[in-house]
Protein backbone atom coordinates (compact mmCIF):
# COMPACT_ATOMS: atom_id res chain seq x y z
CA UNK A 1 2.45 -21.17 6.04
CA UNK A 2 -0.78 -21.59 4.99
CA UNK A 3 -3.31 -23.52 6.59
CA UNK A 4 -5.67 -25.84 5.70
CA UNK A 5 -8.61 -24.68 8.21
CA UNK A 6 -8.74 -20.96 7.72
CA UNK A 7 -11.91 -21.00 10.47
CA UNK A 8 -9.40 -22.88 13.14
CA UNK A 9 -7.78 -19.34 13.25
CA UNK A 10 -10.83 -17.74 14.73
CA UNK A 11 -9.50 -18.46 18.18
CA UNK A 12 -11.05 -17.47 21.26
CA UNK A 13 -8.24 -15.05 21.67
CA UNK A 14 -9.03 -13.84 18.16
CA UNK A 15 -12.76 -13.29 19.14
CA UNK A 16 -11.65 -11.08 22.02
CA UNK A 17 -9.20 -9.38 20.28
CA UNK A 18 -11.77 -8.50 17.70
CA UNK A 19 -13.97 -7.30 20.64
CA UNK A 20 -11.70 -5.16 22.31
CA UNK A 21 -9.43 -4.10 19.56
CA UNK A 22 -11.81 -3.63 16.70
CA UNK A 23 -8.61 -4.93 14.17
CA UNK A 24 -7.13 -8.38 13.93
CA UNK A 25 -4.52 -9.59 11.66
CA UNK A 26 -4.47 -13.12 10.35
CA UNK A 27 -1.41 -14.32 8.64
CA UNK A 28 -1.81 -16.89 5.61
CA UNK A 29 -5.33 -17.02 6.18
CA UNK A 30 -6.53 -17.87 2.53
CA UNK A 31 -5.46 -20.02 0.04
CA UNK A 32 -3.87 -18.71 -3.55
CA UNK A 33 -6.58 -20.07 -5.49
CA UNK A 34 -9.08 -17.78 -3.66
CA UNK A 35 -6.95 -14.80 -4.55
CA UNK A 36 -6.84 -15.73 -7.89
CA UNK A 37 -10.53 -15.17 -8.17
CA UNK A 38 -10.55 -12.08 -6.28
CA UNK A 39 -7.91 -11.07 -9.05
CA UNK A 40 -10.40 -12.25 -12.01
CA UNK A 41 -12.97 -10.63 -10.38
CA UNK A 42 -11.11 -7.00 -10.03
CA UNK A 43 -10.20 -7.50 -13.78
CA UNK A 44 -13.67 -7.91 -14.94
CA UNK A 45 -14.82 -5.03 -12.80
CA UNK A 46 -12.28 -2.50 -14.05
CA UNK A 47 -13.20 -3.42 -17.53
CA UNK A 48 -16.93 -2.76 -17.16
CA UNK A 49 -18.82 0.42 -17.64
CA UNK A 50 -20.32 -0.16 -13.90
CA UNK A 51 -22.22 3.02 -12.25
CA UNK A 52 -20.27 1.85 -9.00
CA UNK A 53 -16.38 2.57 -9.76
CA UNK A 54 -15.48 6.09 -8.46
CA UNK A 55 -12.09 7.91 -8.71
CA UNK A 56 -10.67 9.64 -5.38
CA UNK A 57 -8.65 12.49 -5.93
CA UNK A 58 -9.56 12.25 -9.57
CA UNK A 59 -7.23 14.30 -12.00
CA UNK A 60 -5.03 14.73 -9.23
CA UNK A 61 -1.58 13.29 -8.54
CA UNK A 62 -2.20 10.20 -6.45
CA UNK A 63 -5.94 9.23 -7.36
CA UNK A 64 -7.17 5.77 -7.21
CA UNK A 65 -10.20 3.59 -8.10
CA UNK A 66 -12.86 2.76 -5.49
CA UNK A 67 -15.64 -0.01 -6.61
CA UNK A 68 -18.32 -1.36 -4.50
CA UNK A 69 -21.59 -3.85 -4.85
CA UNK A 70 -20.57 -6.02 -7.52
CA UNK A 71 -21.13 -9.45 -6.66
CA UNK A 72 -24.44 -9.75 -8.92
CA UNK A 73 -22.22 -9.40 -11.44
CA UNK A 74 -19.16 -10.82 -10.76
CA UNK A 75 -19.06 -14.72 -10.98
CA UNK A 76 -15.47 -14.87 -9.47
CA UNK A 77 -16.94 -12.76 -6.14
CA UNK A 78 -19.61 -15.34 -5.72
CA UNK A 79 -17.67 -18.15 -6.27
CA UNK A 80 -15.39 -16.82 -3.66
CA UNK A 81 -17.83 -15.95 -0.58
CA UNK A 82 -20.40 -19.02 -1.51
CA UNK A 83 -17.34 -21.55 -1.44
CA UNK A 84 -14.32 -19.94 0.40
CA UNK A 85 -13.78 -20.44 4.10
CA UNK A 86 -14.43 -16.39 4.41
CA UNK A 87 -17.66 -16.69 5.49
CA UNK A 88 -17.22 -19.16 8.10
CA UNK A 89 -14.42 -17.62 9.29
CA UNK A 90 -16.58 -14.20 9.75
CA UNK A 91 -19.49 -16.63 11.29
CA UNK A 92 -17.41 -17.98 13.87
CA UNK A 93 -15.81 -14.30 14.77
CA UNK A 94 -19.36 -12.77 15.49
CA UNK A 95 -21.34 -15.60 16.95
CA UNK A 96 -23.69 -15.65 14.36
CA UNK A 97 -24.81 -19.18 12.53
CA UNK A 98 -26.84 -16.71 9.83
CA UNK A 99 -24.27 -14.61 7.58
CA UNK A 100 -25.21 -12.13 5.04
CA UNK A 101 -23.24 -10.18 2.60
CA UNK A 102 -23.50 -6.36 3.11
CA UNK A 103 -21.38 -5.39 0.06
CA UNK A 104 -18.00 -6.12 -1.88
CA UNK A 105 -15.35 -3.07 -1.83
CA UNK A 106 -12.64 -3.05 -4.20
CA UNK A 107 -9.90 0.03 -3.94
CA UNK A 108 -6.86 -0.02 -6.89
CA UNK A 109 -3.87 1.87 -6.47
CA UNK A 110 -1.47 1.51 -9.29
CA UNK A 111 0.46 3.50 -11.89
CA UNK A 112 2.35 5.83 -9.87
CA UNK A 113 2.34 6.95 -6.10
CA UNK A 114 -1.33 6.91 -4.92
CA UNK A 115 -2.43 9.37 -1.87
CA UNK A 116 -3.31 7.85 1.48
CA UNK A 117 -7.21 6.75 2.24
CA UNK A 118 -8.28 9.37 4.44
CA UNK A 119 -8.78 8.56 8.14
CA UNK A 120 -12.45 7.44 8.79
CA UNK A 121 -15.08 4.72 10.03
CA UNK A 122 -17.09 3.20 7.66
CA UNK A 123 -20.03 2.80 9.67
CA UNK A 124 -21.45 6.27 9.35
CA UNK A 125 -21.73 5.86 5.44
CA UNK A 126 -24.07 2.92 6.03
CA UNK A 127 -27.95 2.27 7.05
CA UNK A 128 -27.09 -0.30 9.69
CA UNK A 129 -27.02 -1.08 13.45
CA UNK A 130 -25.93 -3.80 15.55
CA UNK A 131 -22.68 -5.52 16.48
CA UNK A 132 -22.49 -8.48 14.51
CA UNK A 133 -20.65 -7.06 11.73
CA UNK A 134 -16.99 -7.12 10.08
CA UNK A 135 -15.03 -6.82 7.10
CA UNK A 136 -12.36 -8.83 5.99
CA UNK A 137 -9.71 -7.12 3.89
CA UNK A 138 -7.86 -9.02 1.40
CA UNK A 139 -4.66 -7.48 -0.51
CA UNK A 140 -3.09 -9.09 -3.38
CA UNK A 141 -0.20 -7.61 -3.42
CA UNK A 142 2.69 -7.49 -0.58
CA UNK A 143 2.62 -4.21 1.36
CA UNK A 144 5.40 -3.03 3.95
CA UNK A 145 3.32 -1.77 6.89
CA UNK A 146 4.29 1.96 6.28
CA UNK A 147 2.00 1.66 3.28
CA UNK A 148 -0.60 -0.79 4.77
CA UNK A 149 -3.85 0.62 6.13
CA UNK A 150 -3.33 1.92 9.58
CA UNK A 151 -6.10 1.61 12.14
CA UNK A 152 -6.72 2.74 15.63
CA UNK A 153 -7.15 0.23 18.00
CA UNK A 154 -10.40 0.42 20.37
CA UNK A 155 -11.76 3.18 18.32
CA UNK A 156 -14.51 1.01 17.41
CA UNK A 157 -16.11 1.58 21.18
CA UNK A 158 -15.77 5.19 20.89
CA UNK A 159 -17.28 7.67 19.01
CA UNK A 160 -18.88 7.86 15.59
CA UNK A 161 -17.89 10.61 13.78
CA UNK A 162 -19.15 12.11 10.53
CA UNK A 163 -17.93 10.34 7.23
CA UNK A 164 -14.96 12.24 5.16
CA UNK A 165 -16.52 13.92 2.03
CA UNK A 166 -14.74 12.27 -1.01
CA UNK A 167 -15.32 15.84 -2.95
CA UNK A 168 -13.43 17.53 -0.66
CA UNK A 169 -10.70 15.16 0.87
CA UNK A 170 -8.14 16.85 -1.30
CA UNK A 171 -8.54 20.13 0.62
CA UNK A 172 -9.72 18.43 4.07
CA UNK A 173 -10.10 15.27 4.93
CA UNK A 174 -12.11 16.02 8.18
CA UNK A 175 -14.81 17.93 6.16
CA UNK A 176 -18.03 15.89 6.88
CA UNK A 177 -19.90 13.90 4.39
CA UNK A 178 -23.10 14.83 5.85
CA UNK A 179 -21.84 17.95 7.39
CA UNK A 180 -24.79 17.62 10.07
CA UNK A 181 -25.88 15.58 13.16
CA UNK A 182 -22.47 13.97 13.76
CA UNK A 183 -19.26 15.17 15.16
CA UNK A 184 -16.74 15.84 12.52
CA UNK A 185 -13.91 13.51 12.19
CA UNK A 186 -10.35 14.16 14.30
CA UNK A 187 -7.42 15.57 12.41
CA UNK A 188 -5.48 12.18 12.84
CA UNK A 189 -2.72 12.24 10.56
CA UNK A 190 -1.64 15.84 12.47
CA UNK A 191 -1.83 14.16 16.15
CA UNK A 192 -0.58 10.83 15.54
CA UNK A 193 1.11 10.34 18.63
CA UNK A 194 -2.24 11.05 20.53
CA UNK A 195 -4.00 7.82 19.06
CA UNK A 196 -3.05 3.96 19.60
CA UNK A 197 -1.93 3.51 15.59
CA UNK A 198 -1.25 -0.20 14.34
CA UNK A 199 -0.46 -1.40 10.67
CA UNK A 200 0.74 -4.47 9.43
CA UNK A 201 3.85 -6.38 6.88
CA UNK A 202 1.18 -7.79 4.10
CA UNK A 203 1.97 -11.21 2.29
CA UNK A 204 -0.61 -12.14 -0.02
CA UNK A 205 -2.72 -14.76 1.50
CA UNK A 206 -2.60 -12.61 5.08
CA UNK A 207 -6.17 -11.04 6.00
CA UNK A 208 -7.49 -8.25 8.31
CA UNK A 209 -10.47 -8.32 10.02
CA UNK A 210 -11.94 -4.70 10.97
CA UNK A 211 -14.97 -3.41 13.09
CA UNK A 212 -16.35 -0.88 10.39
CA UNK A 213 -16.46 1.82 13.12
CA UNK A 214 -12.85 1.31 13.54
CA UNK A 215 -11.12 4.60 12.44
CA UNK A 216 -8.73 3.48 9.61
CA UNK A 217 -6.66 5.36 6.99
CA UNK A 218 -3.80 5.45 4.85
CA UNK A 219 -2.44 3.04 2.53
CA UNK A 220 -0.79 4.79 0.07
CA UNK A 221 1.49 3.66 -2.76
CA UNK A 222 5.12 4.57 -3.73
CA UNK A 223 6.68 4.36 -7.30
CA UNK A 224 6.57 1.38 -8.90
CA UNK A 225 4.52 -0.63 -6.32
CA UNK A 226 0.79 -1.39 -6.17
CA UNK A 227 -2.09 -2.35 -4.05
CA UNK A 228 -5.46 -4.26 -5.35
CA UNK A 229 -7.69 -4.90 -2.65
CA UNK A 230 -11.08 -6.40 -1.91
CA UNK A 231 -12.91 -5.82 1.36
CA UNK A 232 -15.56 -8.23 1.98
CA UNK A 233 -18.43 -6.46 4.26
CA UNK A 234 -20.68 -9.26 6.18
CA UNK A 235 -23.06 -9.03 8.88
CA UNK A 236 -25.02 -11.31 11.06
CA UNK A 237 -28.35 -12.10 12.46
CA UNK A 238 -28.48 -8.60 15.04
CA UNK A 239 -27.90 -6.29 12.27
CA UNK A 240 -30.61 -3.83 11.48
CA UNK A 241 -31.84 -0.94 9.08
CA UNK A 242 -31.07 2.49 10.40
CA UNK A 243 -31.16 6.15 9.40
CA UNK A 244 -28.08 8.66 8.42
CA UNK A 245 -28.21 12.49 8.29
CA UNK A 246 -30.67 13.34 5.61
CA UNK A 247 -28.40 15.79 3.88
CA UNK A 248 -26.77 13.21 1.74
CA UNK A 249 -27.83 9.38 0.99
CA UNK A 250 -25.88 6.62 2.58
CA UNK A 251 -23.29 4.73 0.45
CA UNK A 252 -23.31 2.63 -1.41
CA UNK A 253 -26.55 4.07 -3.19
CA UNK A 254 -29.34 1.67 -2.62
CA UNK A 255 -32.50 2.85 -4.11
CA UNK A 256 -35.96 1.48 -2.83
CA UNK A 257 -34.45 0.62 0.54
CA UNK A 258 -35.84 2.79 2.86
CA UNK A 259 -39.19 2.40 0.94
CA UNK A 260 -39.33 -1.45 2.07
CA UNK A 261 -37.90 -0.99 5.84
CA UNK A 262 -38.08 0.99 8.65
CA UNK A 263 -35.54 1.55 11.73
CA UNK A 264 -35.19 -1.06 13.78
CA UNK A 265 -36.21 -3.77 10.90
CA UNK A 266 -33.71 -6.96 10.17
CA UNK A 267 -31.69 -5.70 7.22
CA UNK A 268 -32.97 -8.02 4.98
CA UNK A 269 -33.33 -7.00 1.05
CA UNK A 270 -32.64 -8.83 -2.05
CA UNK A 271 -29.27 -5.90 -2.07
CA UNK A 272 -27.95 -8.24 0.85
CA UNK A 273 -27.32 -12.00 -0.12
CA UNK A 274 -27.35 -14.78 2.40
CA UNK A 275 -24.16 -16.45 2.23
CA UNK A 276 -24.55 -18.98 5.47
CA UNK A 277 -26.37 -21.24 5.56
CA UNK A 278 -26.05 -21.95 1.92
CA UNK A 279 -28.80 -20.87 -0.52
CA UNK A 280 -30.87 -23.71 -1.82
CA UNK A 281 -29.39 -22.46 -4.86
CA UNK A 282 -26.12 -23.10 -4.13
CA UNK A 283 -26.87 -26.65 -2.50
CA UNK A 284 -25.21 -29.57 -3.94
CA UNK A 285 -23.56 -27.45 -6.86
CA UNK A 286 -20.19 -29.44 -6.14
CA UNK A 287 -21.58 -32.93 -6.01
């Protein structure tokens, strides 16, 4: 049963579990009307010619679509993130009254069986440092745990590995994104019994809160099933700009960011809109 007060789901026990495990499952946290906004937003993005849409395993069996940073051109995502309880939930989880959007991230797996997402952490790809950050993973479709994203509990407190290279993922999902300075990903899929892996049976309205340094992957789809997912990546006051190996740009591409910020600066930029407290442009819009 859906709750009338999703923020109340962020209990001291949930906060402690997030700090300890790097992943928390919250059943029936979001009202269907918020899911409708996500659905409309995804449809708008897929009908666009955005340069931020890419295809994983392109032209191979099991390809799927990955889309990032469409908040500025997607009114549905703006209303979702300004008006829904998502930002308030993450503010309570992180212990930060100030909350910004790092970026929105959409995954679409449909049209037949799609490959699993390779094991990885998100943190290596992003130019950030700090602790007050979380992703809320929201899917529009029912997913059995066998096809859900999988997570290695507690891995956010351990090594930060190089990311996987999307162009090489079909050949070897441990080939590094940068290829220098960061340790190479372990082959988790070939030694699953060595890792504390967890996944969840998902019903629309359920959400997963994920620390970006938590190892995660999976989420293949079988024939006739689809998965449309939004991951809202939000952060608090202590997040700062950080560099990564110079062999490749961080993702999503953020031209000009490094020209304005130096390592250790607070992550403040037009690329990262503030959600809480509500900006002046949003105050009183429901009055």
